[in-house]
Amino acid sequence: TADDPRYEDAVRQGFNQRFRSDVDYLCYPADTAEAVAAVD
């Protein structure tokens, strides 16, 4: 989430550094079930 010290690094992981993600938070699913939960 945005209050996590890893957030600024996480939103700059795109190869083209012209763009910085401005998402509310990032999810890292480990499998399909977690991906379903993230979308839900």
Full PDB file with SEQRES, HELIX, SHEET, SSBOND, CRYST1, ORIGX, SCALE, CONECT and MASTER records, all heavy atoms in Angstrom:
SEQRES   1 A   40  THR ALA ASP ASP PRO ARG TYR GLU ASP ALA VAL ARG GLN          
SEQRES   2 A   40  GLY PHE ASN GLN ARG PHE ARG SER ASP VAL ASP TYR LEU          
SEQRES   3 A   40  CYS TYR PRO ALA ASP THR ALA GLU ALA VAL ALA ALA VAL          
SEQRES   4 A   40  ASP                                                          
HELIX    1 AA1 TYR A    7  ALA A   10  1                                   4    
HELIX    2 AA2 THR A   32  VAL A   39  1                                   8    
CRYST1    1.000    1.000    1.000  90.00  90.00  90.00 P 1           1          
ORIGX1      1.000000  0.000000  0.000000        0.00000                         
ORIGX2      0.000000  1.000000  0.000000        0.00000                         
ORIGX3      0.000000  0.000000  1.000000        0.00000                         
SCALE1      1.000000  0.000000  0.000000        0.00000                         
SCALE2      0.000000  1.000000  0.000000        0.00000                         
SCALE3      0.000000  0.000000  1.000000        0.00000                         
ATOM      1  N   THR A   1       0.827  -1.195   0.000  1.00  0.00           N  
ATOM      2  CA  THR A   1       0.000   0.000   0.000  1.00  0.00           C  
ATOM      3  C   THR A   1       0.864   1.249   0.000  1.00  0.00           C  
ATOM      4  O   THR A   1       2.083   1.184   0.159  1.00  0.00           O  
ATOM      5  CB  THR A   1      -0.929   0.006   1.233  1.00  0.00           C  
ATOM      6  OG1 THR A   1      -0.119  -0.094   2.415  1.00  0.00           O  
ATOM      7  CG2 THR A   1      -1.893  -1.179   1.201  1.00  0.00           C  
ATOM      8  N   ALA A   2       0.211   2.397  -0.131  1.00  0.00           N  
ATOM      9  CA  ALA A   2       0.948   3.657  -0.271  1.00  0.00           C  
ATOM     10  C   ALA A   2       1.736   4.030   0.983  1.00  0.00           C  
ATOM     11  O   ALA A   2       2.695   4.809   0.900  1.00  0.00           O  
ATOM     12  CB  ALA A   2      -0.019   4.783  -0.628  1.00  0.00           C  
ATOM     13  N   ASP A   3       1.365   3.480   2.131  1.00  0.00           N  
ATOM     14  CA  ASP A   3       2.115   3.792   3.347  1.00  0.00           C  
ATOM     15  C   ASP A   3       3.227   2.785   3.631  1.00  0.00           C  
ATOM     16  O   ASP A   3       3.891   2.851   4.664  1.00  0.00           O  
ATOM     17  CB  ASP A   3       1.172   3.892   4.550  1.00  0.00           C  
ATOM     18  CG  ASP A   3       0.380   2.604   4.784  1.00  0.00           C  
ATOM     19  OD1 ASP A   3       0.529   1.656   3.974  1.00  0.00           O  
ATOM     20  OD2 ASP A   3      -0.401   2.553   5.754  1.00  0.00           O  
ATOM     21  N   ASP A   4       3.436   1.858   2.705  1.00  0.00           N  
ATOM     22  CA  ASP A   4       4.504   0.862   2.834  1.00  0.00           C  
ATOM     23  C   ASP A   4       5.800   1.467   2.303  1.00  0.00           C  
ATOM     24  O   ASP A   4       5.810   2.102   1.241  1.00  0.00           O  
ATOM     25  CB  ASP A   4       4.120  -0.386   2.020  1.00  0.00           C  
ATOM     26  CG  ASP A   4       5.041  -1.568   2.259  1.00  0.00           C  
ATOM     27  OD1 ASP A   4       6.260  -1.424   2.054  1.00  0.00           O  
ATOM     28  OD2 ASP A   4       4.534  -2.641   2.639  1.00  0.00           O  
ATOM     29  N   PRO A   5       6.929   1.311   3.007  1.00  0.00           N  
ATOM     30  CA  PRO A   5       8.193   1.879   2.505  1.00  0.00           C  
ATOM     31  C   PRO A   5       8.624   1.316   1.157  1.00  0.00           C  
ATOM     32  O   PRO A   5       9.444   1.922   0.468  1.00  0.00           O  
ATOM     33  CB  PRO A   5       9.206   1.527   3.607  1.00  0.00           C  
ATOM     34  CG  PRO A   5       8.576   0.427   4.401  1.00  0.00           C  
ATOM     35  CD  PRO A   5       7.099   0.663   4.324  1.00  0.00           C  
ATOM     36  N   ARG A   6       8.044   0.174   0.761  1.00  0.00           N  
ATOM     37  CA  ARG A   6       8.379  -0.412  -0.550  1.00  0.00           C  
ATOM     38  C   ARG A   6       7.567   0.179  -1.691  1.00  0.00           C  
ATOM     39  O   ARG A   6       7.830  -0.113  -2.868  1.00  0.00           O  
ATOM     40  CB  ARG A   6       8.149  -1.921  -0.505  1.00  0.00           C  
ATOM     41  CG  ARG A   6       9.004  -2.677   0.488  1.00  0.00           C  
ATOM     42  CD  ARG A   6       8.521  -4.118   0.642  1.00  0.00           C  
ATOM     43  NE  ARG A   6       7.168  -4.170   1.218  1.00  0.00           N  
ATOM     44  CZ  ARG A   6       6.452  -5.285   1.340  1.00  0.00           C  
ATOM     45  NH1 ARG A   6       6.957  -6.442   0.917  1.00  0.00           N  
ATOM     46  NH2 ARG A   6       5.251  -5.252   1.891  1.00  0.00           N  
ATOM     47  N   TYR A   7       6.578   0.990  -1.374  1.00  0.00           N  
ATOM     48  CA  TYR A   7       5.622   1.445  -2.387  1.00  0.00           C  
ATOM     49  C   TYR A   7       6.294   2.225  -3.515  1.00  0.00           C  
ATOM     50  O   TYR A   7       6.047   1.952  -4.694  1.00  0.00           O  
ATOM     51  CB  TYR A   7       4.540   2.308  -1.735  1.00  0.00           C  
ATOM     52  CG  TYR A   7       3.533   2.872  -2.713  1.00  0.00           C  
ATOM     53  CD1 TYR A   7       2.465   2.109  -3.178  1.00  0.00           C  
ATOM     54  CD2 TYR A   7       3.650   4.182  -3.172  1.00  0.00           C  
ATOM     55  CE1 TYR A   7       1.541   2.622  -4.076  1.00  0.00           C  
ATOM     56  CE2 TYR A   7       2.744   4.709  -4.073  1.00  0.00           C  
ATOM     57  CZ  TYR A   7       1.687   3.934  -4.518  1.00  0.00           C  
ATOM     58  OH  TYR A   7       0.780   4.457  -5.417  1.00  0.00           O  
ATOM     59  N   GLU A   8       7.136   3.182  -3.179  1.00  0.00           N  
ATOM     60  CA  GLU A   8       7.733   4.024  -4.223  1.00  0.00           C  
ATOM     61  C   GLU A   8       8.574   3.192  -5.186  1.00  0.00           C  
ATOM     62  O   GLU A   8       8.583   3.448  -6.402  1.00  0.00           O  
ATOM     63  CB  GLU A   8       8.579   5.134  -3.590  1.00  0.00           C  
ATOM     64  CG  GLU A   8       9.057   6.195  -4.573  1.00  0.00           C  
ATOM     65  CD  GLU A   8       7.921   6.924  -5.278  1.00  0.00           C  
ATOM     66  OE1 GLU A   8       6.830   7.063  -4.686  1.00  0.00           O  
ATOM     67  OE2 GLU A   8       8.133   7.347  -6.438  1.00  0.00           O  
ATOM     68  N   ASP A   9       9.270   2.206  -4.674  1.00  0.00           N  
ATOM     69  CA  ASP A   9      10.028   1.317  -5.546  1.00  0.00           C  
ATOM     70  C   ASP A   9       9.084   0.469  -6.393  1.00  0.00           C  
ATOM     71  O   ASP A   9       9.312   0.265  -7.590  1.00  0.00           O  
ATOM     72  CB  ASP A   9      10.944   0.418  -4.714  1.00  0.00           C  
ATOM     73  CG  ASP A   9      11.731  -0.553  -5.568  1.00  0.00           C  
ATOM     74  OD1 ASP A   9      12.577  -0.100  -6.355  1.00  0.00           O  
ATOM     75  OD2 ASP A   9      11.493  -1.772  -5.454  1.00  0.00           O  
ATOM     76  N   ALA A  10       8.004  -0.009  -5.785  1.00  0.00           N  
ATOM     77  CA  ALA A  10       7.078  -0.898  -6.487  1.00  0.00           C  
ATOM     78  C   ALA A  10       6.393  -0.210  -7.656  1.00  0.00           C  
ATOM     79  O   ALA A  10       6.159  -0.824  -8.700  1.00  0.00           O  
ATOM     80  CB  ALA A  10       6.029  -1.437  -5.510  1.00  0.00           C  
ATOM     81  N   VAL A  11       6.075   1.076  -7.518  1.00  0.00           N  
ATOM     82  CA  VAL A  11       5.359   1.759  -8.602  1.00  0.00           C  
ATOM     83  C   VAL A  11       6.309   2.257  -9.687  1.00  0.00           C  
ATOM     84  O   VAL A  11       5.862   2.803 -10.692  1.00  0.00           O  
ATOM     85  CB  VAL A  11       4.520   2.938  -8.059  1.00  0.00           C  
ATOM     86  CG1 VAL A  11       3.421   2.427  -7.144  1.00  0.00           C  
ATOM     87  CG2 VAL A  11       5.390   3.985  -7.351  1.00  0.00           C  
ATOM     88  N   ARG A  12       7.597   2.048  -9.503  1.00  0.00           N  
ATOM     89  CA  ARG A  12       8.576   2.429 -10.518  1.00  0.00           C  
ATOM     90  C   ARG A  12       9.241   1.215 -11.161  1.00  0.00           C  
ATOM     91  O   ARG A  12      10.342   1.306 -11.693  1.00  0.00           O  
ATOM     92  CB  ARG A  12       9.638   3.358  -9.922  1.00  0.00           C  
ATOM     93  CG  ARG A  12       9.097   4.716  -9.525  1.00  0.00           C  
ATOM     94  CD  ARG A  12      10.194   5.686  -9.132  1.00  0.00           C  
ATOM     95  NE  ARG A  12       9.681   7.003  -8.811  1.00  0.00           N  
ATOM     96  CZ  ARG A  12       9.412   7.947  -9.708  1.00  0.00           C  
ATOM     97  NH1 ARG A  12       9.629   7.714 -10.989  1.00  0.00           N  
ATOM     98  NH2 ARG A  12       8.943   9.128  -9.321  1.00  0.00           N  
ATOM     99  N   GLN A  13       8.569   0.074 -11.119  1.00  0.00           N  
ATOM    100  CA  GLN A  13       9.156  -1.140 -11.658  1.00  0.00           C  
ATOM    101  C   GLN A  13       8.950  -1.294 -13.160  1.00  0.00           C  
ATOM    102  O   GLN A  13       9.456  -2.238 -13.763  1.00  0.00           O  
ATOM    103  CB  GLN A  13       8.576  -2.360 -10.934  1.00  0.00           C  
ATOM    104  CG  GLN A  13       9.079  -2.522  -9.509  1.00  0.00           C  
ATOM    105  CD  GLN A  13      10.580  -2.720  -9.446  1.00  0.00           C  
ATOM    106  OE1 GLN A  13      11.126  -3.603 -10.088  1.00  0.00           O  
ATOM    107  NE2 GLN A  13      11.259  -1.873  -8.679  1.00  0.00           N  
ATOM    108  N   GLY A  14       8.202  -0.408 -13.790  1.00  0.00           N  
ATOM    109  CA  GLY A  14       8.051  -0.481 -15.238  1.00  0.00           C  
ATOM    110  C   GLY A  14       9.353  -0.183 -15.951  1.00  0.00           C  
ATOM    111  O   GLY A  14      10.152   0.656 -15.496  1.00  0.00           O  
ATOM    112  N   PHE A  15       9.590  -0.855 -17.069  1.00  0.00           N  
ATOM    113  CA  PHE A  15      10.859  -0.685 -17.784  1.00  0.00           C  
ATOM    114  C   PHE A  15      11.023   0.748 -18.289  1.00  0.00           C  
ATOM    115  O   PHE A  15      12.109   1.304 -18.259  1.00  0.00           O  
ATOM    116  CB  PHE A  15      10.924  -1.675 -18.948  1.00  0.00           C  
ATOM    117  CG  PHE A  15      12.254  -1.713 -19.638  1.00  0.00           C  
ATOM    118  CD1 PHE A  15      13.361  -2.273 -19.012  1.00  0.00           C  
ATOM    119  CD2 PHE A  15      12.413  -1.190 -20.910  1.00  0.00           C  
ATOM    120  CE1 PHE A  15      14.593  -2.311 -19.645  1.00  0.00           C  
ATOM    121  CE2 PHE A  15      13.640  -1.228 -21.551  1.00  0.00           C  
ATOM    122  CZ  PHE A  15      14.738  -1.786 -20.925  1.00  0.00           C  
ATOM    123  N   ASN A  16       9.949   1.359 -18.768  1.00  0.00           N  
ATOM    124  CA  ASN A  16      10.014   2.738 -19.245  1.00  0.00           C  
ATOM    125  C   ASN A  16       9.817   3.677 -18.063  1.00  0.00           C  
ATOM    126  O   ASN A  16       8.710   3.830 -17.546  1.00  0.00           O  
ATOM    127  CB  ASN A  16       8.943   2.989 -20.308  1.00  0.00           C  
ATOM    128  CG  ASN A  16       9.113   4.338 -20.985  1.00  0.00           C  
ATOM    129  OD1 ASN A  16       9.927   5.162 -20.570  1.00  0.00           O  
ATOM    130  ND2 ASN A  16       8.345   4.570 -22.043  1.00  0.00           N  
ATOM    131  N   GLN A  17      10.896   4.323 -17.656  1.00  0.00           N  
ATOM    132  CA  GLN A  17      10.858   5.149 -16.455  1.00  0.00           C  
ATOM    133  C   GLN A  17      10.183   6.505 -16.672  1.00  0.00           C  
ATOM    134  O   GLN A  17      10.114   7.319 -15.750  1.00  0.00           O  
ATOM    135  CB  GLN A  17      12.270   5.332 -15.914  1.00  0.00           C  
ATOM    136  CG  GLN A  17      12.864   4.051 -15.338  1.00  0.00           C  
ATOM    137  CD  GLN A  17      12.181   3.625 -14.049  1.00  0.00           C  
ATOM    138  OE1 GLN A  17      12.317   4.279 -13.018  1.00  0.00           O  
ATOM    139  NE2 GLN A  17      11.425   2.531 -14.109  1.00  0.00           N  
ATOM    140  N   ARG A  18       9.651   6.745 -17.873  1.00  0.00           N  
ATOM    141  CA  ARG A  18       8.810   7.933 -18.062  1.00  0.00           C  
ATOM    142  C   ARG A  18       7.529   7.823 -17.247  1.00  0.00           C  
ATOM    143  O   ARG A  18       6.888   8.839 -16.944  1.00  0.00           O  
ATOM    144  CB  ARG A  18       8.423   8.076 -19.539  1.00  0.00           C  
ATOM    145  CG  ARG A  18       9.492   8.665 -20.444  1.00  0.00           C  
ATOM    146  CD  ARG A  18       9.007   8.682 -21.891  1.00  0.00           C  
ATOM    147  NE  ARG A  18       7.738   9.392 -22.017  1.00  0.00           N  
ATOM    148  CZ  ARG A  18       6.780   9.049 -22.892  1.00  0.00           C  
ATOM    149  NH1 ARG A  18       6.930   8.005 -23.687  1.00  0.00           N  
ATOM    150  NH2 ARG A  18       5.674   9.764 -22.966  1.00  0.00           N  
ATOM    151  N   PHE A  19       7.145   6.601 -16.909  1.00  0.00           N  
ATOM    152  CA  PHE A  19       5.852   6.393 -16.267  1.00  0.00           C  
ATOM    153  C   PHE A  19       6.029   5.837 -14.852  1.00  0.00           C  
ATOM    154  O   PHE A  19       6.804   4.915 -14.633  1.00  0.00           O  
ATOM    155  CB  PHE A  19       4.996   5.433 -17.101  1.00  0.00           C  
ATOM    156  CG  PHE A  19       4.740   5.934 -18.488  1.00  0.00           C  
ATOM    157  CD1 PHE A  19       5.471   5.463 -19.566  1.00  0.00           C  
ATOM    158  CD2 PHE A  19       3.774   6.910 -18.714  1.00  0.00           C  
ATOM    159  CE1 PHE A  19       5.244   5.940 -20.845  1.00  0.00           C  
ATOM    160  CE2 PHE A  19       3.551   7.397 -19.985  1.00  0.00           C  
ATOM    161  CZ  PHE A  19       4.278   6.911 -21.054  1.00  0.00           C  
ATOM    162  N   ARG A  20       5.282   6.424 -13.946  1.00  0.00           N  
ATOM    163  CA  ARG A  20       5.235   5.966 -12.561  1.00  0.00           C  
ATOM    164  C   ARG A  20       3.794   5.574 -12.269  1.00  0.00           C  
ATOM    165  O   ARG A  20       2.877   6.369 -12.471  1.00  0.00           O  
ATOM    166  CB  ARG A  20       5.684   7.065 -11.616  1.00  0.00           C  
ATOM    167  CG  ARG A  20       5.501   6.755 -10.137  1.00  0.00           C  
ATOM    168  CD  ARG A  20       5.702   8.014  -9.301  1.00  0.00           C  
ATOM    169  NE  ARG A  20       5.518   7.768  -7.873  1.00  0.00           N  
ATOM    170  CZ  ARG A  20       4.343   7.747  -7.268  1.00  0.00           C  
ATOM    171  NH1 ARG A  20       3.221   7.930  -7.972  1.00  0.00           N  
ATOM    172  NH2 ARG A  20       4.257   7.539  -5.963  1.00  0.00           N  
ATOM    173  N   SER A  21       3.572   4.381 -11.794  1.00  0.00           N  
ATOM    174  CA  SER A  21       2.218   3.954 -11.459  1.00  0.00           C  
ATOM    175  C   SER A  21       1.651   4.832 -10.348  1.00  0.00           C  
ATOM    176  O   SER A  21       2.364   5.207  -9.413  1.00  0.00           O  
ATOM    177  CB  SER A  21       2.208   2.490 -10.997  1.00  0.00           C  
ATOM    178  OG  SER A  21       2.659   1.637 -12.026  1.00  0.00           O  
ATOM    179  N   ASP A  22       0.367   5.152 -10.455  1.00  0.00           N  
ATOM    180  CA  ASP A  22      -0.266   5.959  -9.420  1.00  0.00           C  
ATOM    181  C   ASP A  22      -1.408   5.190  -8.756  1.00  0.00           C  
ATOM    182  O   ASP A  22      -2.403   5.766  -8.333  1.00  0.00           O  
ATOM    183  CB  ASP A  22      -0.785   7.275 -10.001  1.00  0.00           C  
ATOM    184  CG  ASP A  22      -1.767   7.085 -11.151  1.00  0.00           C  
ATOM    185  OD1 ASP A  22      -2.067   5.926 -11.491  1.00  0.00           O  
ATOM    186  OD2 ASP A  22      -2.241   8.100 -11.697  1.00  0.00           O  
ATOM    187  N   VAL A  23      -1.240   3.868  -8.672  1.00  0.00           N  
ATOM    188  CA  VAL A  23      -2.303   3.019  -8.134  1.00  0.00           C  
ATOM    189  C   VAL A  23      -2.426   3.177  -6.619  1.00  0.00           C  
ATOM    190  O   VAL A  23      -1.496   3.619  -5.939  1.00  0.00           O  
ATOM    191  CB  VAL A  23      -2.036   1.536  -8.484  1.00  0.00           C  
ATOM    192  CG1 VAL A  23      -2.162   1.327  -9.983  1.00  0.00           C  
ATOM    193  CG2 VAL A  23      -0.667   1.085  -7.999  1.00  0.00           C  
ATOM    194  N   ASP A  24      -3.597   2.791  -6.112  1.00  0.00           N  
ATOM    195  CA  ASP A  24      -3.831   2.868  -4.668  1.00  0.00           C  
ATOM    196  C   ASP A  24      -2.993   1.833  -3.923  1.00  0.00           C  
ATOM    197  O   ASP A  24      -2.492   2.096  -2.833  1.00  0.00           O  
ATOM    198  CB  ASP A  24      -5.314   2.643  -4.367  1.00  0.00           C  
ATOM    199  CG  ASP A  24      -6.200   3.666  -5.071  1.00  0.00           C  
ATOM    200  OD1 ASP A  24      -5.803   4.833  -5.142  1.00  0.00           O  
ATOM    201  OD2 ASP A  24      -7.273   3.282  -5.569  1.00  0.00           O  
ATOM    202  N   TYR A  25      -2.891   0.649  -4.491  1.00  0.00           N  
ATOM    203  CA  TYR A  25      -2.044  -0.388  -3.919  1.00  0.00           C  
ATOM    204  C   TYR A  25      -1.730  -1.433  -4.977  1.00  0.00           C  
ATOM    205  O   TYR A  25      -2.334  -1.459  -6.056  1.00  0.00           O  
ATOM    206  CB  TYR A  25      -2.692  -1.032  -2.685  1.00  0.00           C  
ATOM    207  CG  TYR A  25      -3.989  -1.784  -2.933  1.00  0.00           C  
ATOM    208  CD1 TYR A  25      -3.989  -3.146  -3.256  1.00  0.00           C  
ATOM    209  CD2 TYR A  25      -5.222  -1.144  -2.808  1.00  0.00           C  
ATOM    210  CE1 TYR A  25      -5.176  -3.835  -3.471  1.00  0.00           C  
ATOM    211  CE2 TYR A  25      -6.417  -1.825  -3.013  1.00  0.00           C  
ATOM    212  CZ  TYR A  25      -6.392  -3.167  -3.344  1.00  0.00           C  
ATOM    213  OH  TYR A  25      -7.560  -3.855  -3.558  1.00  0.00           O  
ATOM    214  N   LEU A  26      -0.757  -2.283  -4.686  1.00  0.00           N  
ATOM    215  CA  LEU A  26      -0.336  -3.347  -5.588  1.00  0.00           C  
ATOM    216  C   LEU A  26      -0.551  -4.687  -4.917  1.00  0.00           C  
ATOM    217  O   LEU A  26      -0.304  -4.844  -3.716  1.00  0.00           O  
ATOM    218  CB  LEU A  26       1.144  -3.211  -5.967  1.00  0.00           C  
ATOM    219  CG  LEU A  26       1.594  -1.905  -6.617  1.00  0.00           C  
ATOM    220  CD1 LEU A  26       2.075  -0.914  -5.554  1.00  0.00           C  
ATOM    221  CD2 LEU A  26       2.705  -2.145  -7.632  1.00  0.00           C  
ATOM    222  N   CYS A  27      -1.004  -5.681  -5.688  1.00  0.00           N  
ATOM    223  CA  CYS A  27      -1.180  -7.052  -5.214  1.00  0.00           C  
ATOM    224  C   CYS A  27      -0.184  -7.964  -5.911  1.00  0.00           C  
ATOM    225  O   CYS A  27       0.089  -7.800  -7.101  1.00  0.00           O  
ATOM    226  CB  CYS A  27      -2.585  -7.557  -5.515  1.00  0.00           C  
ATOM    227  SG  CYS A  27      -3.865  -6.768  -4.557  1.00  0.00           S  
ATOM    228  N   TYR A  28       0.317  -8.958  -5.167  1.00  0.00           N  
ATOM    229  CA  TYR A  28       1.275  -9.923  -5.709  1.00  0.00           C  
ATOM    230  C   TYR A  28       0.748 -11.341  -5.473  1.00  0.00           C  
ATOM    231  O   TYR A  28       1.190 -12.024  -4.550  1.00  0.00           O  
ATOM    232  CB  TYR A  28       2.641  -9.739  -5.054  1.00  0.00           C  
ATOM    233  CG  TYR A  28       3.276  -8.407  -5.352  1.00  0.00           C  
ATOM    234  CD1 TYR A  28       2.978  -7.288  -4.576  1.00  0.00           C  
ATOM    235  CD2 TYR A  28       4.161  -8.254  -6.416  1.00  0.00           C  
ATOM    236  CE1 TYR A  28       3.547  -6.054  -4.841  1.00  0.00           C  
ATOM    237  CE2 TYR A  28       4.744  -7.025  -6.690  1.00  0.00           C  
ATOM    238  CZ  TYR A  28       4.428  -5.934  -5.906  1.00  0.00           C  
ATOM    239  OH  TYR A  28       4.994  -4.718  -6.187  1.00  0.00           O  
ATOM    240  N   PRO A  29      -0.193 -11.796  -6.289  1.00  0.00           N  
ATOM    241  CA  PRO A  29      -0.725 -13.148  -6.086  1.00  0.00           C  
ATOM    242  C   PRO A  29       0.335 -14.207  -6.354  1.00  0.00           C  
ATOM    243  O   PRO A  29       1.187 -14.049  -7.237  1.00  0.00           O  
ATOM    244  CB  PRO A  29      -1.872 -13.246  -7.088  1.00  0.00           C  
ATOM    245  CG  PRO A  29      -1.559 -12.222  -8.132  1.00  0.00           C  
ATOM    246  CD  PRO A  29      -0.838 -11.120  -7.431  1.00  0.00           C  
ATOM    247  N   ALA A  30       0.251 -15.288  -5.588  1.00  0.00           N  
ATOM    248  CA  ALA A  30       1.176 -16.406  -5.763  1.00  0.00           C  
ATOM    249  C   ALA A  30       0.572 -17.507  -6.611  1.00  0.00           C  
ATOM    250  O   ALA A  30       1.299 -18.383  -7.083  1.00  0.00           O  
ATOM    251  CB  ALA A  30       1.580 -16.969  -4.403  1.00  0.00           C  
ATOM    252  N   ASP A  31      -0.744 -17.493  -6.778  1.00  0.00           N  
ATOM    253  CA  ASP A  31      -1.409 -18.531  -7.557  1.00  0.00           C  
ATOM    254  C   ASP A  31      -2.750 -18.004  -8.060  1.00  0.00           C  
ATOM    255  O   ASP A  31      -3.110 -16.835  -7.805  1.00  0.00           O  
ATOM    256  CB  ASP A  31      -1.590 -19.809  -6.733  1.00  0.00           C  
ATOM    257  CG  ASP A  31      -2.319 -19.568  -5.416  1.00  0.00           C  
ATOM    258  OD1 ASP A  31      -3.144 -18.627  -5.337  1.00  0.00           O  
ATOM    259  OD2 ASP A  31      -2.066 -20.324  -4.451  1.00  0.00           O  
ATOM    260  N   THR A  32      -3.497 -18.862  -8.734  1.00  0.00           N  
ATOM    261  CA  THR A  32      -4.757 -18.437  -9.329  1.00  0.00           C  
ATOM    262  C   THR A  32      -5.770 -18.027  -8.270  1.00  0.00           C  
ATOM    263  O   THR A  32      -6.480 -17.023  -8.424  1.00  0.00           O  
ATOM    264  CB  THR A  32      -5.327 -19.569 -10.204  1.00  0.00           C  
ATOM    265  OG1 THR A  32      -4.389 -19.871 -11.246  1.00  0.00           O  
ATOM    266  CG2 THR A  32      -6.651 -19.161 -10.824  1.00  0.00           C  
ATOM    267  N   ALA A  33      -5.858 -18.790  -7.171  1.00  0.00           N  
ATOM    268  CA  ALA A  33      -6.820 -18.464  -6.118  1.00  0.00           C  
ATOM    269  C   ALA A  33      -6.566 -17.071  -5.553  1.00  0.00           C  
ATOM    270  O   ALA A  33      -7.509 -16.303  -5.297  1.00  0.00           O  
ATOM    271  CB  ALA A  33      -6.766 -19.515  -5.012  1.00  0.00           C  
ATOM    272  N   GLU A  34      -5.309 -16.720  -5.367  1.00  0.00           N  
ATOM    273  CA  GLU A  34      -4.993 -15.384  -4.850  1.00  0.00           C  
ATOM    274  C   GLU A  34      -5.289 -14.307  -5.891  1.00  0.00           C  
ATOM    275  O   GLU A  34      -5.664 -13.186  -5.534  1.00  0.00           O  
ATOM    276  CB  GLU A  34      -3.539 -15.332  -4.406  1.00  0.00           C  
ATOM    277  CG  GLU A  34      -3.267 -16.133  -3.143  1.00  0.00           C  
ATOM    278  CD  GLU A  34      -1.896 -15.866  -2.551  1.00  0.00           C  
ATOM    279  OE1 GLU A  34      -1.150 -15.047  -3.145  1.00  0.00           O  
ATOM    280  OE2 GLU A  34      -1.576 -16.442  -1.496  1.00  0.00           O  
ATOM    281  N   ALA A  35      -5.125 -14.627  -7.171  1.00  0.00           N  
ATOM    282  CA  ALA A  35      -5.467 -13.663  -8.216  1.00  0.00           C  
ATOM    283  C   ALA A  35      -6.971 -13.402  -8.231  1.00  0.00           C  
ATOM    284  O   ALA A  35      -7.422 -12.252  -8.385  1.00  0.00           O  
ATOM    285  CB  ALA A  35      -4.997 -14.171  -9.574  1.00  0.00           C  
ATOM    286  N   VAL A  36      -7.763 -14.461  -8.067  1.00  0.00           N  
ATOM    287  CA  VAL A  36      -9.217 -14.292  -7.980  1.00  0.00           C  
ATOM    288  C   VAL A  36      -9.573 -13.405  -6.797  1.00  0.00           C  
ATOM    289  O   VAL A  36     -10.398 -12.478  -6.912  1.00  0.00           O  
ATOM    290  CB  VAL A  36      -9.919 -15.662  -7.874  1.00  0.00           C  
ATOM    291  CG1 VAL A  36     -11.413 -15.480  -7.567  1.00  0.00           C  
ATOM    292  CG2 VAL A  36      -9.751 -16.461  -9.156  1.00  0.00           C  
ATOM    293  N   ALA A  37      -8.962 -13.659  -5.653  1.00  0.00           N  
ATOM    294  CA  ALA A  37      -9.238 -12.854  -4.463  1.00  0.00           C  
ATOM    295  C   ALA A  37      -8.850 -11.393  -4.677  1.00  0.00           C  
ATOM    296  O   ALA A  37      -9.573 -10.477  -4.246  1.00  0.00           O  
ATOM    297  CB  ALA A  37      -8.488 -13.430  -3.266  1.00  0.00           C  
ATOM    298  N   ALA A  38      -7.730 -11.152  -5.345  1.00  0.00           N  
ATOM    299  CA  ALA A  38      -7.279  -9.786  -5.596  1.00  0.00           C  
ATOM    300  C   ALA A  38      -8.275  -9.029  -6.466  1.00  0.00           C  
ATOM    301  O   ALA A  38      -8.589  -7.857  -6.213  1.00  0.00           O  
ATOM    302  CB  ALA A  38      -5.907  -9.803  -6.258  1.00  0.00           C  
ATOM    303  N   VAL A  39      -8.781  -9.703  -7.497  1.00  0.00           N  
ATOM    304  CA  VAL A  39      -9.756  -9.063  -8.372  1.00  0.00           C  
ATOM    305  C   VAL A  39     -11.065  -8.827  -7.622  1.00  0.00           C  
ATOM    306  O   VAL A  39     -11.681  -7.753  -7.719  1.00  0.00           O  
ATOM    307  CB  VAL A  39      -9.987  -9.912  -9.639  1.00  0.00           C  
ATOM    308  CG1 VAL A  39     -11.110  -9.319 -10.484  1.00  0.00           C  
ATOM    309  CG2 VAL A  39      -8.699 -10.004 -10.463  1.00  0.00           C  
ATOM    310  N   ASP A  40     -11.512  -9.818  -6.859  1.00  0.00           N  
ATOM    311  CA  ASP A  40     -12.746  -9.666  -6.072  1.00  0.00           C  
ATOM    312  C   ASP A  40     -12.662  -8.458  -5.136  1.00  0.00           C  
ATOM    313  O   ASP A  40     -13.600  -7.647  -5.047  1.00  0.00           O  
ATOM    314  CB  ASP A  40     -13.008 -10.930  -5.254  1.00  0.00           C  
ATOM    315  CG  ASP A  40     -14.020 -11.858  -5.905  1.00  0.00           C  
ATOM    316  OD1 ASP A  40     -14.839 -11.365  -6.708  1.00  0.00           O  
ATOM    317  OD2 ASP A  40     -13.983 -13.067  -5.612  1.00  0.00           O  
TER     318      ASP A  40                                                      
MASTER        0    0    0    2    0    0    0    6  317    1    0    4          
END                                                                             
